[in-house]
């Protein structure tokens, strides 16, 4: 086989031997990179969604605690290392707005996650199809 090379790839069931020329090797590497990038993007979106969920939960819990306090309670907000007095109503509004914005962002990230999952599935399907198309039979690999 002049101009063709064999490439071995690890797979769940064992070793798989692929027969690829230079153009196919480039395509194979590009598909692997695309698959890796899609997985990284999905991981990043999931991490951001978890962070926003935690921020929202923290804001809601803090707001619930503030709701129980009388309106004439003296309240403070932290600015760097110092604390400034702030009206309780302003603090309640601040935490309510924070919870709302986190929920909106989580909804947006949920849509993005669905889109990225679809893209990942397509890239994975294309990669699997490419591998199936270039598999070498056991008899041919043995010779």
C-alpha atoms as a PDB file:
ATOM      1  CA  UNK A   1       0.000   0.000   0.000  1.00  0.00           C
ATOM      2  CA  UNK A   2       1.903   2.978  -1.234  1.00  0.00           C
ATOM      3  CA  UNK A   3       0.964   6.342   0.318  1.00  0.00           C
ATOM      4  CA  UNK A   4      -1.273   4.813   2.976  1.00  0.00           C
ATOM      5  CA  UNK A   5      -0.623   4.317   6.673  1.00  0.00           C
ATOM      6  CA  UNK A   6      -2.312   2.388   9.454  1.00  0.00           C
ATOM      7  CA  UNK A   7      -3.419   4.156  12.606  1.00  0.00           C
ATOM      8  CA  UNK A   8      -4.348   2.337  15.782  1.00  0.00           C
ATOM      9  CA  UNK A   9      -6.948   3.885  18.061  1.00  0.00           C
ATOM     10  CA  UNK A  10      -7.990   2.719  21.523  1.00  0.00           C
ATOM     11  CA  UNK A  11     -11.654   1.839  21.775  1.00  0.00           C
ATOM     12  CA  UNK A  12     -13.819   0.346  24.515  1.00  0.00           C
ATOM     13  CA  UNK A  13     -13.722  -3.157  23.061  1.00  0.00           C
ATOM     14  CA  UNK A  14      -9.958  -3.081  22.461  1.00  0.00           C
ATOM     15  CA  UNK A  15      -7.651  -1.854  19.756  1.00  0.00           C
ATOM     16  CA  UNK A  16      -9.075  -0.778  16.425  1.00  0.00           C
ATOM     17  CA  UNK A  17      -6.936  -0.459  13.346  1.00  0.00           C
ATOM     18  CA  UNK A  18      -7.724   2.272  10.847  1.00  0.00           C
ATOM     19  CA  UNK A  19      -6.288   2.648   7.401  1.00  0.00           C
ATOM     20  CA  UNK A  20      -5.730   6.320   6.604  1.00  0.00           C
ATOM     21  CA  UNK A  21      -3.871   8.319   3.977  1.00  0.00           C
ATOM     22  CA  UNK A  22      -2.441  11.770   4.757  1.00  0.00           C
ATOM     23  CA  UNK A  23      -5.705  13.595   3.953  1.00  0.00           C
ATOM     24  CA  UNK A  24      -7.662  11.202   6.172  1.00  0.00           C
ATOM     25  CA  UNK A  25      -5.145  11.661   8.993  1.00  0.00           C
ATOM     26  CA  UNK A  26      -5.725  15.415   8.881  1.00  0.00           C
ATOM     27  CA  UNK A  27      -9.492  14.891   8.910  1.00  0.00           C
ATOM     28  CA  UNK A  28      -9.151  12.440  11.800  1.00  0.00           C
ATOM     29  CA  UNK A  29      -7.083  14.930  13.833  1.00  0.00           C
ATOM     30  CA  UNK A  30      -9.509  17.775  13.061  1.00  0.00           C
ATOM     31  CA  UNK A  31     -12.442  15.640  14.190  1.00  0.00           C
ATOM     32  CA  UNK A  32     -10.642  14.730  17.410  1.00  0.00           C
ATOM     33  CA  UNK A  33      -9.955  18.423  18.079  1.00  0.00           C
ATOM     34  CA  UNK A  34     -13.565  19.364  17.342  1.00  0.00           C
ATOM     35  CA  UNK A  35     -14.782  16.647  19.690  1.00  0.00           C
ATOM     36  CA  UNK A  36     -12.423  17.829  22.423  1.00  0.00           C
ATOM     37  CA  UNK A  37     -13.461  21.473  21.983  1.00  0.00           C
ATOM     38  CA  UNK A  38     -17.159  20.586  22.124  1.00  0.00           C
ATOM     39  CA  UNK A  39     -16.612  18.588  25.319  1.00  0.00           C
ATOM     40  CA  UNK A  40     -14.673  21.475  26.884  1.00  0.00           C
ATOM     41  CA  UNK A  41     -17.384  23.963  25.934  1.00  0.00           C
ATOM     42  CA  UNK A  42     -20.077  21.724  27.438  1.00  0.00           C
ATOM     43  CA  UNK A  43     -18.067  21.410  30.632  1.00  0.00           C
ATOM     44  CA  UNK A  44     -17.605  25.188  30.794  1.00  0.00           C
ATOM     45  CA  UNK A  45     -21.342  25.851  30.301  1.00  0.00           C
ATOM     46  CA  UNK A  46     -22.231  23.307  32.998  1.00  0.00           C
ATOM     47  CA  UNK A  47     -19.747  24.909  35.409  1.00  0.00           C
ATOM     48  CA  UNK A  48     -21.148  28.395  34.770  1.00  0.00           C
ATOM     49  CA  UNK A  49     -24.690  27.111  35.308  1.00  0.00           C
ATOM     50  CA  UNK A  50     -23.706  25.548  38.641  1.00  0.00           C
ATOM     51  CA  UNK A  51     -22.038  28.793  39.725  1.00  0.00           C
ATOM     52  CA  UNK A  52     -25.135  30.836  38.855  1.00  0.00           C
ATOM     53  CA  UNK A  53     -27.324  28.326  40.676  1.00  0.00           C
ATOM     54  CA  UNK A  54     -25.167  28.707  43.799  1.00  0.00           C
ATOM     55  CA  UNK A  55     -25.249  32.507  43.541  1.00  0.00           C
ATOM     56  CA  UNK A  56     -29.019  32.450  43.122  1.00  0.00           C
ATOM     57  CA  UNK A  57     -29.492  30.126  46.081  1.00  0.00           C
ATOM     58  CA  UNK A  58     -27.245  32.301  48.265  1.00  0.00           C
ATOM     59  CA  UNK A  59     -29.127  35.463  47.253  1.00  0.00           C
ATOM     60  CA  UNK A  60     -32.509  33.815  47.916  1.00  0.00           C
ATOM     61  CA  UNK A  61     -31.429  32.523  51.325  1.00  0.00           C
ATOM     62  CA  UNK A  62     -30.036  35.910  52.313  1.00  0.00           C
ATOM     63  CA  UNK A  63     -33.211  37.610  51.097  1.00  0.00           C
ATOM     64  CA  UNK A  64     -35.329  35.173  53.135  1.00  0.00           C
ATOM     65  CA  UNK A  65     -33.325  36.063  56.239  1.00  0.00           C
ATOM     66  CA  UNK A  66     -33.695  39.785  55.545  1.00  0.00           C
ATOM     67  CA  UNK A  67     -37.481  39.446  55.021  1.00  0.00           C
ATOM     68  CA  UNK A  68     -37.843  38.249  58.623  1.00  0.00           C
ATOM     69  CA  UNK A  69     -36.201  41.383  60.007  1.00  0.00           C
ATOM     70  CA  UNK A  70     -38.225  44.469  61.001  1.00  0.00           C
ATOM     71  CA  UNK A  71     -37.998  47.422  58.610  1.00  0.00           C
ATOM     72  CA  UNK A  72     -36.263  49.611  61.204  1.00  0.00           C
ATOM     73  CA  UNK A  73     -33.315  47.205  61.516  1.00  0.00           C
ATOM     74  CA  UNK A  74     -29.961  48.861  60.932  1.00  0.00           C
ATOM     75  CA  UNK A  75     -28.207  47.007  58.136  1.00  0.00           C
ATOM     76  CA  UNK A  76     -24.753  47.112  56.608  1.00  0.00           C
ATOM     77  CA  UNK A  77     -23.184  46.034  53.347  1.00  0.00           C
ATOM     78  CA  UNK A  78     -19.581  45.042  52.877  1.00  0.00           C
ATOM     79  CA  UNK A  79     -17.436  47.148  50.573  1.00  0.00           C
ATOM     80  CA  UNK A  80     -13.965  45.669  50.470  1.00  0.00           C
ATOM     81  CA  UNK A  81     -12.777  45.484  54.081  1.00  0.00           C
ATOM     82  CA  UNK A  82     -15.231  48.011  55.445  1.00  0.00           C
ATOM     83  CA  UNK A  83     -18.948  47.972  56.141  1.00  0.00           C
ATOM     84  CA  UNK A  84     -21.306  50.768  55.122  1.00  0.00           C
ATOM     85  CA  UNK A  85     -24.743  51.336  56.542  1.00  0.00           C
ATOM     86  CA  UNK A  86     -27.410  50.730  53.945  1.00  0.00           C
ATOM     87  CA  UNK A  87     -31.206  50.850  54.193  1.00  0.00           C
ATOM     88  CA  UNK A  88     -32.746  47.401  54.624  1.00  0.00           C
ATOM     89  CA  UNK A  89     -35.108  47.951  51.687  1.00  0.00           C
ATOM     90  CA  UNK A  90     -32.127  48.606  49.407  1.00  0.00           C
ATOM     91  CA  UNK A  91     -30.468  45.393  50.548  1.00  0.00           C
ATOM     92  CA  UNK A  92     -33.658  43.403  49.962  1.00  0.00           C
ATOM     93  CA  UNK A  93     -33.993  44.866  46.468  1.00  0.00           C
ATOM     94  CA  UNK A  94     -30.320  44.148  45.744  1.00  0.00           C
ATOM     95  CA  UNK A  95     -30.630  40.475  46.689  1.00  0.00           C
ATOM     96  CA  UNK A  96     -33.954  40.128  44.873  1.00  0.00           C
ATOM     97  CA  UNK A  97     -32.409  41.581  41.710  1.00  0.00           C
ATOM     98  CA  UNK A  98     -29.392  39.284  42.080  1.00  0.00           C
ATOM     99  CA  UNK A  99     -31.624  36.192  42.366  1.00  0.00           C
ATOM    100  CA  UNK A 100     -33.645  37.283  39.320  1.00  0.00           C
ATOM    101  CA  UNK A 101     -30.575  37.980  37.186  1.00  0.00           C
ATOM    102  CA  UNK A 102     -29.028  34.639  38.157  1.00  0.00           C
ATOM    103  CA  UNK A 103     -32.241  32.839  37.171  1.00  0.00           C
ATOM    104  CA  UNK A 104     -32.272  34.581  33.773  1.00  0.00           C
ATOM    105  CA  UNK A 105     -28.640  33.704  33.220  1.00  0.00           C
ATOM    106  CA  UNK A 106     -29.283  30.069  34.220  1.00  0.00           C
ATOM    107  CA  UNK A 107     -32.150  29.902  31.712  1.00  0.00           C
ATOM    108  CA  UNK A 108     -29.879  31.288  29.000  1.00  0.00           C
ATOM    109  CA  UNK A 109     -27.123  28.821  29.931  1.00  0.00           C
ATOM    110  CA  UNK A 110     -29.658  25.980  29.843  1.00  0.00           C
ATOM    111  CA  UNK A 111     -30.506  26.866  26.243  1.00  0.00           C
ATOM    112  CA  UNK A 112     -26.818  27.135  25.381  1.00  0.00           C
ATOM    113  CA  UNK A 113     -26.170  23.764  27.040  1.00  0.00           C
ATOM    114  CA  UNK A 114     -28.855  22.125  24.898  1.00  0.00           C
ATOM    115  CA  UNK A 115     -27.301  23.664  21.786  1.00  0.00           C
ATOM    116  CA  UNK A 116     -23.780  22.551  22.758  1.00  0.00           C
ATOM    117  CA  UNK A 117     -25.023  19.031  23.568  1.00  0.00           C
ATOM    118  CA  UNK A 118     -26.612  18.817  20.102  1.00  0.00           C
ATOM    119  CA  UNK A 119     -23.374  20.011  18.494  1.00  0.00           C
ATOM    120  CA  UNK A 120     -21.362  17.518  20.568  1.00  0.00           C
ATOM    121  CA  UNK A 121     -23.680  14.680  19.528  1.00  0.00           C
ATOM    122  CA  UNK A 122     -23.303  15.637  15.856  1.00  0.00           C
ATOM    123  CA  UNK A 123     -19.509  15.848  16.084  1.00  0.00           C
ATOM    124  CA  UNK A 124     -19.398  12.524  17.944  1.00  0.00           C
ATOM    125  CA  UNK A 125     -21.669  10.867  15.353  1.00  0.00           C
ATOM    126  CA  UNK A 126     -19.508  12.224  12.509  1.00  0.00           C
ATOM    127  CA  UNK A 127     -16.374  10.954  14.264  1.00  0.00           C
ATOM    128  CA  UNK A 128     -17.878   7.482  14.805  1.00  0.00           C
ATOM    129  CA  UNK A 129     -18.991   7.337  11.165  1.00  0.00           C
ATOM    130  CA  UNK A 130     -15.499   8.324  10.024  1.00  0.00           C
ATOM    131  CA  UNK A 131     -13.961   5.588  12.179  1.00  0.00           C
ATOM    132  CA  UNK A 132     -16.445   2.986  10.886  1.00  0.00           C
ATOM    133  CA  UNK A 133     -15.692   4.003   7.282  1.00  0.00           C
ATOM    134  CA  UNK A 134     -11.941   3.523   7.790  1.00  0.00           C
ATOM    135  CA  UNK A 135     -11.915   0.332   9.860  1.00  0.00           C
ATOM    136  CA  UNK A 136      -9.618  -2.388   8.620  1.00  0.00           C
ATOM    137  CA  UNK A 137     -10.958  -5.920   8.814  1.00  0.00           C
ATOM    138  CA  UNK A 138      -9.121  -8.357  11.085  1.00  0.00           C
ATOM    139  CA  UNK A 139      -8.018 -10.461   8.095  1.00  0.00           C
ATOM    140  CA  UNK A 140      -6.564  -7.434   6.300  1.00  0.00           C
ATOM    141  CA  UNK A 141      -4.878  -6.234   9.489  1.00  0.00           C
ATOM    142  CA  UNK A 142      -3.282  -9.632  10.043  1.00  0.00           C
ATOM    143  CA  UNK A 143      -1.725  -9.647   6.560  1.00  0.00           C
END
